[in-house]
């Protein structure tokens, strides 16, 4: 485990009066297995664990030291969140539940308890998002035998195949009330929207190449202009198909049609930037062949999207 004593818990979660580590160990262990290891992946987790065992929290390598603190934050936040409902409750041999009381403290109200539970969970998911952004930026630092260890993780392959793979990226275009929790709920919708509305127009090779350059930190100047348009379109298409985001009484006050219209504008902006640029986007439909793009089955029957000789300026 990457958290081994009560002092490490208090360092990152100071609002407590914990005295012994054993009472919280099972919650910390469970949180590490459930929420941290899938994000880091086994190879990177084991390397970090080895350094932690050898050097403690003051790992000499600065990036690994930062990674340890981010990892401990996630584990502790989720561990405390899992522990809150049961820390003051015990079960006896007869299966009866009892609650500890004493004359020195007063139990927090349900409202305060609920608020702490909610904020701890939100902080935990925010920490996950920050860790993902940190790993995207610094993955090359965590390399062994010419392999980036993070790229062996479940989460890397599950999410980085998308134009948007963190809640922070999504919220540059559409606000999410509950950050990463909402983003995780939206992931299937996000993936479907990318295939139905983005890849169907731009082509799989074009999008795959753009994502690869993004993850390898090799975006061209052209990419830096195109990527925000495509991400904005994807966020709006995703919101278009989500009942919580497109509800008139929701945070945005936009309906499905508004999100769809905005997405179309961003698609047109990306199209104008990519069409004809055979250097950066040789696989973009129409750039080399002049052949009109094929629409995918199951798409709406609205206006067709054609690219080819003499048609590179519009949708």
C-alpha atoms as a PDB file:
ATOM      1  CA  UNK A   1       0.000   0.000   0.000  1.00  0.00           C
ATOM      2  CA  UNK A   2       1.047   3.618  -0.631  1.00  0.00           C
ATOM      3  CA  UNK A   3      -0.287   4.876   2.719  1.00  0.00           C
ATOM      4  CA  UNK A   4       1.194   3.173   5.758  1.00  0.00           C
ATOM      5  CA  UNK A   5       0.644   5.322   8.844  1.00  0.00           C
ATOM      6  CA  UNK A   6      -1.680   7.812  10.491  1.00  0.00           C
ATOM      7  CA  UNK A   7       0.697  10.756   9.947  1.00  0.00           C
ATOM      8  CA  UNK A   8       0.443  10.357   6.183  1.00  0.00           C
ATOM      9  CA  UNK A   9      -3.357  10.459   6.455  1.00  0.00           C
ATOM     10  CA  UNK A  10      -3.277  13.589   8.628  1.00  0.00           C
ATOM     11  CA  UNK A  11      -0.855  15.293   6.255  1.00  0.00           C
ATOM     12  CA  UNK A  12      -3.345  15.138   3.386  1.00  0.00           C
ATOM     13  CA  UNK A  13      -6.607  15.028   5.382  1.00  0.00           C
ATOM     14  CA  UNK A  14      -5.903  17.154   8.489  1.00  0.00           C
ATOM     15  CA  UNK A  15      -9.520  17.515   9.665  1.00  0.00           C
ATOM     16  CA  UNK A  16      -9.466  14.435  11.890  1.00  0.00           C
ATOM     17  CA  UNK A  17      -8.503  13.175  15.354  1.00  0.00           C
ATOM     18  CA  UNK A  18      -7.286   9.757  14.229  1.00  0.00           C
ATOM     19  CA  UNK A  19      -4.960   8.014  16.681  1.00  0.00           C
ATOM     20  CA  UNK A  20      -4.401   4.560  15.214  1.00  0.00           C
ATOM     21  CA  UNK A  21      -3.901   3.447  11.641  1.00  0.00           C
ATOM     22  CA  UNK A  22      -5.289  -0.082  11.959  1.00  0.00           C
ATOM     23  CA  UNK A  23      -8.889   1.111  12.163  1.00  0.00           C
ATOM     24  CA  UNK A  24      -8.658   2.728   8.731  1.00  0.00           C
ATOM     25  CA  UNK A  25      -6.316   0.348   6.955  1.00  0.00           C
ATOM     26  CA  UNK A  26      -9.043  -1.768   5.357  1.00  0.00           C
ATOM     27  CA  UNK A  27     -10.773   1.327   3.917  1.00  0.00           C
ATOM     28  CA  UNK A  28      -7.481   2.676   2.559  1.00  0.00           C
ATOM     29  CA  UNK A  29      -6.605  -0.681   1.031  1.00  0.00           C
ATOM     30  CA  UNK A  30     -10.022  -1.004  -0.598  1.00  0.00           C
ATOM     31  CA  UNK A  31      -9.837   2.531  -2.023  1.00  0.00           C
ATOM     32  CA  UNK A  32      -6.365   1.915  -3.431  1.00  0.00           C
ATOM     33  CA  UNK A  33      -7.474  -1.242  -5.221  1.00  0.00           C
ATOM     34  CA  UNK A  34     -10.756   0.176  -6.491  1.00  0.00           C
ATOM     35  CA  UNK A  35      -9.815   3.720  -7.520  1.00  0.00           C
ATOM     36  CA  UNK A  36      -6.050   4.183  -7.765  1.00  0.00           C
ATOM     37  CA  UNK A  37      -4.505   1.057  -9.265  1.00  0.00           C
ATOM     38  CA  UNK A  38      -6.770   1.044 -12.367  1.00  0.00           C
ATOM     39  CA  UNK A  39      -5.696   4.635 -13.078  1.00  0.00           C
ATOM     40  CA  UNK A  40      -1.957   4.040 -12.612  1.00  0.00           C
ATOM     41  CA  UNK A  41      -1.838   0.522 -13.997  1.00  0.00           C
ATOM     42  CA  UNK A  42       0.089  -2.318 -12.347  1.00  0.00           C
ATOM     43  CA  UNK A  43       3.552  -1.519 -13.829  1.00  0.00           C
ATOM     44  CA  UNK A  44       3.543   2.135 -12.723  1.00  0.00           C
ATOM     45  CA  UNK A  45       1.946   1.295  -9.372  1.00  0.00           C
ATOM     46  CA  UNK A  46       4.612  -1.328  -8.630  1.00  0.00           C
ATOM     47  CA  UNK A  47       7.439   1.046  -9.576  1.00  0.00           C
ATOM     48  CA  UNK A  48       5.987   3.786  -7.358  1.00  0.00           C
ATOM     49  CA  UNK A  49       5.465   1.287  -4.534  1.00  0.00           C
ATOM     50  CA  UNK A  50       9.091   0.183  -4.762  1.00  0.00           C
ATOM     51  CA  UNK A  51      10.333   3.774  -4.472  1.00  0.00           C
ATOM     52  CA  UNK A  52       7.952   4.445  -1.591  1.00  0.00           C
ATOM     53  CA  UNK A  53       9.187   1.347   0.263  1.00  0.00           C
ATOM     54  CA  UNK A  54      12.807   2.410  -0.276  1.00  0.00           C
ATOM     55  CA  UNK A  55      12.585   6.172   0.287  1.00  0.00           C
ATOM     56  CA  UNK A  56       9.276   6.899   2.019  1.00  0.00           C
ATOM     57  CA  UNK A  57       7.279   9.995   1.089  1.00  0.00           C
ATOM     58  CA  UNK A  58      10.431  12.016   0.303  1.00  0.00           C
ATOM     59  CA  UNK A  59      11.271  10.227  -2.927  1.00  0.00           C
ATOM     60  CA  UNK A  60      14.346  11.801  -4.473  1.00  0.00           C
ATOM     61  CA  UNK A  61      12.917  11.885  -7.992  1.00  0.00           C
ATOM     62  CA  UNK A  62      10.664  14.974  -8.085  1.00  0.00           C
ATOM     63  CA  UNK A  63       8.107  13.605 -10.569  1.00  0.00           C
ATOM     64  CA  UNK A  64       7.713  10.342  -8.671  1.00  0.00           C
ATOM     65  CA  UNK A  65       7.387  12.337  -5.449  1.00  0.00           C
ATOM     66  CA  UNK A  66       4.573  14.368  -7.016  1.00  0.00           C
ATOM     67  CA  UNK A  67       2.984  11.167  -8.296  1.00  0.00           C
ATOM     68  CA  UNK A  68       3.082   9.660  -4.809  1.00  0.00           C
ATOM     69  CA  UNK A  69       1.336  12.655  -3.235  1.00  0.00           C
ATOM     70  CA  UNK A  70      -1.372  12.653  -5.898  1.00  0.00           C
ATOM     71  CA  UNK A  71      -1.838   8.905  -5.461  1.00  0.00           C
ATOM     72  CA  UNK A  72      -2.007   9.156  -1.669  1.00  0.00           C
ATOM     73  CA  UNK A  73      -4.576  11.955  -1.954  1.00  0.00           C
ATOM     74  CA  UNK A  74      -6.860   9.761  -4.053  1.00  0.00           C
ATOM     75  CA  UNK A  75      -6.475   6.767  -1.763  1.00  0.00           C
ATOM     76  CA  UNK A  76      -7.030   8.770   1.430  1.00  0.00           C
ATOM     77  CA  UNK A  77      -9.996  10.764   0.117  1.00  0.00           C
ATOM     78  CA  UNK A  78     -11.791   7.678  -1.164  1.00  0.00           C
ATOM     79  CA  UNK A  79     -10.797   5.737   1.948  1.00  0.00           C
ATOM     80  CA  UNK A  80     -12.277   8.372   4.280  1.00  0.00           C
ATOM     81  CA  UNK A  81     -15.394   8.580   2.123  1.00  0.00           C
ATOM     82  CA  UNK A  82     -15.838   4.804   2.397  1.00  0.00           C
ATOM     83  CA  UNK A  83     -15.162   4.916   6.147  1.00  0.00           C
ATOM     84  CA  UNK A  84     -17.510   7.752   7.163  1.00  0.00           C
ATOM     85  CA  UNK A  85     -20.750   5.701   7.265  1.00  0.00           C
ATOM     86  CA  UNK A  86     -19.271   2.973   9.443  1.00  0.00           C
ATOM     87  CA  UNK A  87     -16.508   4.425  11.642  1.00  0.00           C
ATOM     88  CA  UNK A  88     -18.864   5.025  14.563  1.00  0.00           C
ATOM     89  CA  UNK A  89     -20.861   1.829  14.079  1.00  0.00           C
ATOM     90  CA  UNK A  90     -19.845  -1.613  15.362  1.00  0.00           C
ATOM     91  CA  UNK A  91     -21.443  -5.034  15.077  1.00  0.00           C
ATOM     92  CA  UNK A  92     -21.463  -7.526  17.945  1.00  0.00           C
ATOM     93  CA  UNK A  93     -21.508 -11.317  17.900  1.00  0.00           C
ATOM     94  CA  UNK A  94     -25.306 -11.351  17.816  1.00  0.00           C
ATOM     95  CA  UNK A  95     -25.368  -9.174  14.718  1.00  0.00           C
ATOM     96  CA  UNK A  96     -26.592  -6.083  16.543  1.00  0.00           C
ATOM     97  CA  UNK A  97     -25.341  -2.646  15.465  1.00  0.00           C
ATOM     98  CA  UNK A  98     -24.241  -0.154  18.116  1.00  0.00           C
ATOM     99  CA  UNK A  99     -23.117   3.489  17.984  1.00  0.00           C
ATOM    100  CA  UNK A 100     -20.394   4.876  20.245  1.00  0.00           C
ATOM    101  CA  UNK A 101     -21.300   7.918  22.367  1.00  0.00           C
ATOM    102  CA  UNK A 102     -19.389   9.952  24.965  1.00  0.00           C
ATOM    103  CA  UNK A 103     -19.785  13.159  26.955  1.00  0.00           C
ATOM    104  CA  UNK A 104     -16.852  15.011  25.391  1.00  0.00           C
ATOM    105  CA  UNK A 105     -18.177  15.399  21.873  1.00  0.00           C
ATOM    106  CA  UNK A 106     -21.503  16.005  20.186  1.00  0.00           C
ATOM    107  CA  UNK A 107     -22.487  14.064  17.108  1.00  0.00           C
ATOM    108  CA  UNK A 108     -22.599  16.099  13.895  1.00  0.00           C
ATOM    109  CA  UNK A 109     -26.022  16.739  12.434  1.00  0.00           C
ATOM    110  CA  UNK A 110     -27.144  14.689   9.457  1.00  0.00           C
ATOM    111  CA  UNK A 111     -26.802  17.766   7.259  1.00  0.00           C
ATOM    112  CA  UNK A 112     -23.174  18.249   8.272  1.00  0.00           C
ATOM    113  CA  UNK A 113     -22.399  14.561   7.917  1.00  0.00           C
ATOM    114  CA  UNK A 114     -23.951  14.477   4.464  1.00  0.00           C
ATOM    115  CA  UNK A 115     -22.054  17.614   3.450  1.00  0.00           C
ATOM    116  CA  UNK A 116     -18.736  16.098   4.559  1.00  0.00           C
ATOM    117  CA  UNK A 117     -19.471  12.852   2.732  1.00  0.00           C
ATOM    118  CA  UNK A 118     -20.392  14.693  -0.446  1.00  0.00           C
ATOM    119  CA  UNK A 119     -17.420  17.073  -0.413  1.00  0.00           C
ATOM    120  CA  UNK A 120     -14.970  14.243   0.325  1.00  0.00           C
ATOM    121  CA  UNK A 121     -16.258  12.247  -2.622  1.00  0.00           C
ATOM    122  CA  UNK A 122     -16.099  15.290  -4.902  1.00  0.00           C
ATOM    123  CA  UNK A 123     -12.540  16.043  -3.781  1.00  0.00           C
ATOM    124  CA  UNK A 124     -11.587  12.431  -4.463  1.00  0.00           C
ATOM    125  CA  UNK A 125     -12.906  12.510  -8.032  1.00  0.00           C
ATOM    126  CA  UNK A 126     -11.276  15.900  -8.622  1.00  0.00           C
ATOM    127  CA  UNK A 127      -8.001  14.324  -7.505  1.00  0.00           C
ATOM    128  CA  UNK A 128      -8.469  11.514 -10.036  1.00  0.00           C
ATOM    129  CA  UNK A 129      -8.972  14.064 -12.790  1.00  0.00           C
ATOM    130  CA  UNK A 130      -5.877  16.000 -11.773  1.00  0.00           C
ATOM    131  CA  UNK A 131      -3.846  12.793 -11.685  1.00  0.00           C
ATOM    132  CA  UNK A 132      -4.955  11.960 -15.225  1.00  0.00           C
ATOM    133  CA  UNK A 133      -3.907  15.400 -16.438  1.00  0.00           C
ATOM    134  CA  UNK A 134      -0.580  15.034 -14.620  1.00  0.00           C
ATOM    135  CA  UNK A 135       0.041  11.640 -16.216  1.00  0.00           C
ATOM    136  CA  UNK A 136      -0.901  12.875 -19.681  1.00  0.00           C
ATOM    137  CA  UNK A 137       1.667  15.656 -19.362  1.00  0.00           C
ATOM    138  CA  UNK A 138       4.413  13.667 -17.606  1.00  0.00           C
ATOM    139  CA  UNK A 139       3.928  10.083 -18.770  1.00  0.00           C
ATOM    140  CA  UNK A 140       7.219  10.048 -20.648  1.00  0.00           C
ATOM    141  CA  UNK A 141       9.060  10.593 -17.339  1.00  0.00           C
ATOM    142  CA  UNK A 142       7.800   7.252 -16.001  1.00  0.00           C
ATOM    143  CA  UNK A 143       9.607   5.071 -18.506  1.00  0.00           C
ATOM    144  CA  UNK A 144      11.389   1.734 -18.210  1.00  0.00           C
ATOM    145  CA  UNK A 145      12.912  -0.278 -21.051  1.00  0.00           C
ATOM    146  CA  UNK A 146      11.675   2.391 -23.490  1.00  0.00           C
ATOM    147  CA  UNK A 147       8.071   1.834 -22.386  1.00  0.00           C
ATOM    148  CA  UNK A 148       5.907   4.468 -20.737  1.00  0.00           C
ATOM    149  CA  UNK A 149       4.556   2.604 -17.712  1.00  0.00           C
ATOM    150  CA  UNK A 150       1.251   4.509 -17.564  1.00  0.00           C
ATOM    151  CA  UNK A 151       0.357   3.353 -21.061  1.00  0.00           C
ATOM    152  CA  UNK A 152       0.034  -0.159 -19.619  1.00  0.00           C
ATOM    153  CA  UNK A 153      -2.924   0.917 -17.461  1.00  0.00           C
ATOM    154  CA  UNK A 154      -6.586   0.035 -17.946  1.00  0.00           C
ATOM    155  CA  UNK A 155      -7.661   3.680 -17.828  1.00  0.00           C
ATOM    156  CA  UNK A 156      -5.159   4.792 -20.446  1.00  0.00           C
ATOM    157  CA  UNK A 157      -6.595   2.450 -23.049  1.00  0.00           C
ATOM    158  CA  UNK A 158     -10.189   2.932 -21.909  1.00  0.00           C
ATOM    159  CA  UNK A 159     -10.231   6.723 -22.123  1.00  0.00           C
ATOM    160  CA  UNK A 160      -7.322   8.132 -24.083  1.00  0.00           C
ATOM    161  CA  UNK A 161      -8.697   6.794 -27.354  1.00  0.00           C
ATOM    162  CA  UNK A 162     -11.123   9.718 -27.235  1.00  0.00           C
ATOM    163  CA  UNK A 163     -10.685  13.353 -28.225  1.00  0.00           C
ATOM    164  CA  UNK A 164     -11.767  14.237 -24.680  1.00  0.00           C
ATOM    165  CA  UNK A 165     -10.682  11.964 -21.858  1.00  0.00           C
ATOM    166  CA  UNK A 166     -10.883  14.060 -18.681  1.00  0.00           C
ATOM    167  CA  UNK A 167     -13.659  15.992 -16.995  1.00  0.00           C
ATOM    168  CA  UNK A 168     -11.418  19.056 -17.012  1.00  0.00           C
ATOM    169  CA  UNK A 169     -11.171  18.949 -20.796  1.00  0.00           C
ATOM    170  CA  UNK A 170     -14.933  18.467 -21.136  1.00  0.00           C
ATOM    171  CA  UNK A 171     -15.656  21.398 -18.821  1.00  0.00           C
ATOM    172  CA  UNK A 172     -13.742  23.769 -21.074  1.00  0.00           C
ATOM    173  CA  UNK A 173     -16.844  23.585 -23.260  1.00  0.00           C
ATOM    174  CA  UNK A 174     -19.764  22.271 -21.154  1.00  0.00           C
ATOM    175  CA  UNK A 175     -20.061  22.671 -17.370  1.00  0.00           C
ATOM    176  CA  UNK A 176     -20.627  19.487 -15.373  1.00  0.00           C
ATOM    177  CA  UNK A 177     -22.411  19.868 -12.056  1.00  0.00           C
ATOM    178  CA  UNK A 178     -20.529  16.994 -10.426  1.00  0.00           C
ATOM    179  CA  UNK A 179     -17.268  16.990 -12.336  1.00  0.00           C
ATOM    180  CA  UNK A 180     -15.689  13.592 -12.890  1.00  0.00           C
ATOM    181  CA  UNK A 181     -18.710  11.663 -11.584  1.00  0.00           C
ATOM    182  CA  UNK A 182     -20.833  13.208 -14.333  1.00  0.00           C
ATOM    183  CA  UNK A 183     -18.038  12.635 -16.822  1.00  0.00           C
ATOM    184  CA  UNK A 184     -17.843   8.923 -15.996  1.00  0.00           C
ATOM    185  CA  UNK A 185     -21.612   8.680 -16.457  1.00  0.00           C
ATOM    186  CA  UNK A 186     -21.239  10.398 -19.844  1.00  0.00           C
ATOM    187  CA  UNK A 187     -18.370   8.219 -21.133  1.00  0.00           C
ATOM    188  CA  UNK A 188     -20.534   5.735 -23.125  1.00  0.00           C
ATOM    189  CA  UNK A 189     -22.448   8.657 -24.636  1.00  0.00           C
ATOM    190  CA  UNK A 190     -19.187  10.480 -25.360  1.00  0.00           C
ATOM    191  CA  UNK A 191     -17.729   7.464 -27.132  1.00  0.00           C
ATOM    192  CA  UNK A 192     -20.879   6.981 -29.208  1.00  0.00           C
ATOM    193  CA  UNK A 193     -21.002  10.676 -30.111  1.00  0.00           C
ATOM    194  CA  UNK A 194     -17.400  10.627 -31.306  1.00  0.00           C
ATOM    195  CA  UNK A 195     -18.091   7.700 -33.610  1.00  0.00           C
ATOM    196  CA  UNK A 196     -21.467   8.886 -34.895  1.00  0.00           C
ATOM    197  CA  UNK A 197     -20.784  12.571 -35.397  1.00  0.00           C
ATOM    198  CA  UNK A 198     -17.010  13.168 -35.485  1.00  0.00           C
ATOM    199  CA  UNK A 199     -15.311  10.116 -36.948  1.00  0.00           C
ATOM    200  CA  UNK A 200     -18.089   9.653 -39.487  1.00  0.00           C
ATOM    201  CA  UNK A 201     -17.251  13.076 -40.905  1.00  0.00           C
ATOM    202  CA  UNK A 202     -13.501  13.328 -40.375  1.00  0.00           C
ATOM    203  CA  UNK A 203     -12.504   9.684 -40.848  1.00  0.00           C
ATOM    204  CA  UNK A 204     -11.045   7.249 -38.320  1.00  0.00           C
ATOM    205  CA  UNK A 205      -7.455   7.668 -39.528  1.00  0.00           C
ATOM    206  CA  UNK A 206      -7.611  11.434 -39.173  1.00  0.00           C
ATOM    207  CA  UNK A 207      -8.947  11.286 -35.617  1.00  0.00           C
ATOM    208  CA  UNK A 208      -6.670   8.425 -34.524  1.00  0.00           C
ATOM    209  CA  UNK A 209      -3.597  10.305 -35.807  1.00  0.00           C
ATOM    210  CA  UNK A 210      -4.698  13.491 -34.029  1.00  0.00           C
ATOM    211  CA  UNK A 211      -5.226  11.655 -30.732  1.00  0.00           C
ATOM    212  CA  UNK A 212      -1.836   9.921 -31.060  1.00  0.00           C
ATOM    213  CA  UNK A 213      -0.080  13.256 -31.569  1.00  0.00           C
ATOM    214  CA  UNK A 214      -1.981  14.679 -28.605  1.00  0.00           C
ATOM    215  CA  UNK A 215      -0.930  11.836 -26.305  1.00  0.00           C
ATOM    216  CA  UNK A 216       2.677  11.977 -27.527  1.00  0.00           C
ATOM    217  CA  UNK A 217       2.800  15.759 -27.002  1.00  0.00           C
ATOM    218  CA  UNK A 218       3.497  16.319 -30.695  1.00  0.00           C
ATOM    219  CA  UNK A 219       0.563  18.487 -31.735  1.00  0.00           C
ATOM    220  CA  UNK A 220       1.322  20.666 -34.740  1.00  0.00           C
ATOM    221  CA  UNK A 221       0.334  24.324 -34.922  1.00  0.00           C
ATOM    222  CA  UNK A 222      -2.541  23.243 -37.159  1.00  0.00           C
ATOM    223  CA  UNK A 223      -3.622  20.632 -34.607  1.00  0.00           C
ATOM    224  CA  UNK A 224      -3.695  23.247 -31.844  1.00  0.00           C
ATOM    225  CA  UNK A 225      -6.307  25.149 -33.854  1.00  0.00           C
ATOM    226  CA  UNK A 226      -8.335  22.137 -34.976  1.00  0.00           C
ATOM    227  CA  UNK A 227      -8.429  20.112 -31.743  1.00  0.00           C
ATOM    228  CA  UNK A 228     -10.460  22.669 -29.711  1.00  0.00           C
ATOM    229  CA  UNK A 229     -13.063  22.821 -32.498  1.00  0.00           C
ATOM    230  CA  UNK A 230     -13.427  19.026 -32.512  1.00  0.00           C
ATOM    231  CA  UNK A 231     -13.511  18.819 -28.715  1.00  0.00           C
ATOM    232  CA  UNK A 232     -16.157  21.548 -28.540  1.00  0.00           C
ATOM    233  CA  UNK A 233     -18.231  19.731 -31.160  1.00  0.00           C
ATOM    234  CA  UNK A 234     -17.889  16.442 -29.273  1.00  0.00           C
ATOM    235  CA  UNK A 235     -18.898  18.023 -25.952  1.00  0.00           C
ATOM    236  CA  UNK A 236     -21.977  19.604 -27.544  1.00  0.00           C
ATOM    237  CA  UNK A 237     -22.998  16.408 -29.350  1.00  0.00           C
ATOM    238  CA  UNK A 238     -22.630  14.524 -26.056  1.00  0.00           C
ATOM    239  CA  UNK A 239     -24.775  17.076 -24.223  1.00  0.00           C
ATOM    240  CA  UNK A 240     -27.297  16.939 -27.046  1.00  0.00           C
ATOM    241  CA  UNK A 241     -27.999  13.285 -26.251  1.00  0.00           C
ATOM    242  CA  UNK A 242     -27.967  13.553 -22.454  1.00  0.00           C
ATOM    243  CA  UNK A 243     -31.286  14.272 -20.751  1.00  0.00           C
ATOM    244  CA  UNK A 244     -29.677  15.865 -17.706  1.00  0.00           C
ATOM    245  CA  UNK A 245     -27.567  18.302 -19.710  1.00  0.00           C
ATOM    246  CA  UNK A 246     -30.183  19.248 -22.311  1.00  0.00           C
ATOM    247  CA  UNK A 247     -33.102  19.678 -19.896  1.00  0.00           C
ATOM    248  CA  UNK A 248     -34.517  23.246 -20.177  1.00  0.00           C
ATOM    249  CA  UNK A 249     -34.495  23.541 -16.396  1.00  0.00           C
ATOM    250  CA  UNK A 250     -30.880  22.309 -16.209  1.00  0.00           C
ATOM    251  CA  UNK A 251     -27.698  24.257 -15.555  1.00  0.00           C
ATOM    252  CA  UNK A 252     -27.291  25.379 -19.160  1.00  0.00           C
ATOM    253  CA  UNK A 253     -30.897  26.023 -20.125  1.00  0.00           C
ATOM    254  CA  UNK A 254     -30.143  24.653 -23.604  1.00  0.00           C
ATOM    255  CA  UNK A 255     -32.311  22.157 -25.400  1.00  0.00           C
ATOM    256  CA  UNK A 256     -31.174  19.387 -27.713  1.00  0.00           C
ATOM    257  CA  UNK A 257     -31.487  21.590 -30.811  1.00  0.00           C
ATOM    258  CA  UNK A 258     -29.234  24.312 -29.341  1.00  0.00           C
ATOM    259  CA  UNK A 259     -26.443  21.858 -28.545  1.00  0.00           C
ATOM    260  CA  UNK A 260     -26.775  20.295 -32.002  1.00  0.00           C
ATOM    261  CA  UNK A 261     -26.569  23.697 -33.696  1.00  0.00           C
ATOM    262  CA  UNK A 262     -23.481  24.682 -31.710  1.00  0.00           C
ATOM    263  CA  UNK A 263     -21.805  21.348 -32.487  1.00  0.00           C
ATOM    264  CA  UNK A 264     -22.454  21.862 -36.197  1.00  0.00           C
ATOM    265  CA  UNK A 265     -20.777  25.260 -36.121  1.00  0.00           C
ATOM    266  CA  UNK A 266     -17.647  23.798 -34.521  1.00  0.00           C
ATOM    267  CA  UNK A 267     -17.610  20.933 -37.039  1.00  0.00           C
ATOM    268  CA  UNK A 268     -17.735  23.456 -39.874  1.00  0.00           C
ATOM    269  CA  UNK A 269     -14.837  25.407 -38.349  1.00  0.00           C
ATOM    270  CA  UNK A 270     -12.740  22.243 -38.042  1.00  0.00           C
ATOM    271  CA  UNK A 271     -13.654  21.179 -41.570  1.00  0.00           C
ATOM    272  CA  UNK A 272     -12.530  24.464 -43.093  1.00  0.00           C
ATOM    273  CA  UNK A 273      -9.222  24.213 -41.237  1.00  0.00           C
ATOM    274  CA  UNK A 274      -8.505  20.605 -42.266  1.00  0.00           C
ATOM    275  CA  UNK A 275      -9.816  20.494 -45.818  1.00  0.00           C
ATOM    276  CA  UNK A 276      -7.001  21.015 -48.282  1.00  0.00           C
ATOM    277  CA  UNK A 277      -4.258  20.647 -45.654  1.00  0.00           C
ATOM    278  CA  UNK A 278      -2.655  17.514 -47.037  1.00  0.00           C
ATOM    279  CA  UNK A 279       0.495  18.011 -44.953  1.00  0.00           C
ATOM    280  CA  UNK A 280      -1.155  17.729 -41.529  1.00  0.00           C
ATOM    281  CA  UNK A 281      -4.283  15.786 -42.507  1.00  0.00           C
ATOM    282  CA  UNK A 282      -3.510  13.557 -45.501  1.00  0.00           C
ATOM    283  CA  UNK A 283      -6.235  11.090 -44.514  1.00  0.00           C
ATOM    284  CA  UNK A 284      -8.958  13.708 -44.183  1.00  0.00           C
ATOM    285  CA  UNK A 285     -11.731  12.680 -46.609  1.00  0.00           C
ATOM    286  CA  UNK A 286     -11.326  14.478 -49.923  1.00  0.00           C
ATOM    287  CA  UNK A 287      -7.833  15.857 -49.311  1.00  0.00           C
ATOM    288  CA  UNK A 288      -6.079  13.391 -51.607  1.00  0.00           C
ATOM    289  CA  UNK A 289      -8.803  11.568 -53.476  1.00  0.00           C
ATOM    290  CA  UNK A 290     -11.586  14.034 -54.125  1.00  0.00           C
ATOM    291  CA  UNK A 291     -13.951  11.253 -53.119  1.00  0.00           C
ATOM    292  CA  UNK A 292     -17.050  12.263 -51.112  1.00  0.00           C
ATOM    293  CA  UNK A 293     -17.151  10.961 -47.552  1.00  0.00           C
ATOM    294  CA  UNK A 294     -19.411   8.046 -46.791  1.00  0.00           C
ATOM    295  CA  UNK A 295     -22.007   8.521 -44.065  1.00  0.00           C
ATOM    296  CA  UNK A 296     -22.224   5.749 -41.484  1.00  0.00           C
ATOM    297  CA  UNK A 297     -25.327   3.692 -41.101  1.00  0.00           C
ATOM    298  CA  UNK A 298     -27.625   4.763 -38.315  1.00  0.00           C
ATOM    299  CA  UNK A 299     -26.917   8.479 -38.646  1.00  0.00           C
ATOM    300  CA  UNK A 300     -29.718  11.008 -38.878  1.00  0.00           C
ATOM    301  CA  UNK A 301     -31.174  11.633 -42.310  1.00  0.00           C
ATOM    302  CA  UNK A 302     -30.463  15.349 -42.239  1.00  0.00           C
ATOM    303  CA  UNK A 303     -28.021  17.234 -44.431  1.00  0.00           C
ATOM    304  CA  UNK A 304     -25.230  15.123 -45.890  1.00  0.00           C
ATOM    305  CA  UNK A 305     -21.611  16.023 -45.367  1.00  0.00           C
ATOM    306  CA  UNK A 306     -19.664  16.002 -48.619  1.00  0.00           C
ATOM    307  CA  UNK A 307     -16.055  16.734 -49.244  1.00  0.00           C
ATOM    308  CA  UNK A 308     -14.244  16.507 -52.517  1.00  0.00           C
ATOM    309  CA  UNK A 309     -12.956  18.524 -55.468  1.00  0.00           C
ATOM    310  CA  UNK A 310     -14.683  21.874 -55.389  1.00  0.00           C
ATOM    311  CA  UNK A 311     -16.478  21.133 -52.103  1.00  0.00           C
ATOM    312  CA  UNK A 312     -13.836  21.817 -49.480  1.00  0.00           C
ATOM    313  CA  UNK A 313     -15.369  24.989 -48.069  1.00  0.00           C
ATOM    314  CA  UNK A 314     -18.577  23.702 -46.521  1.00  0.00           C
ATOM    315  CA  UNK A 315     -20.640  20.986 -44.968  1.00  0.00           C
END
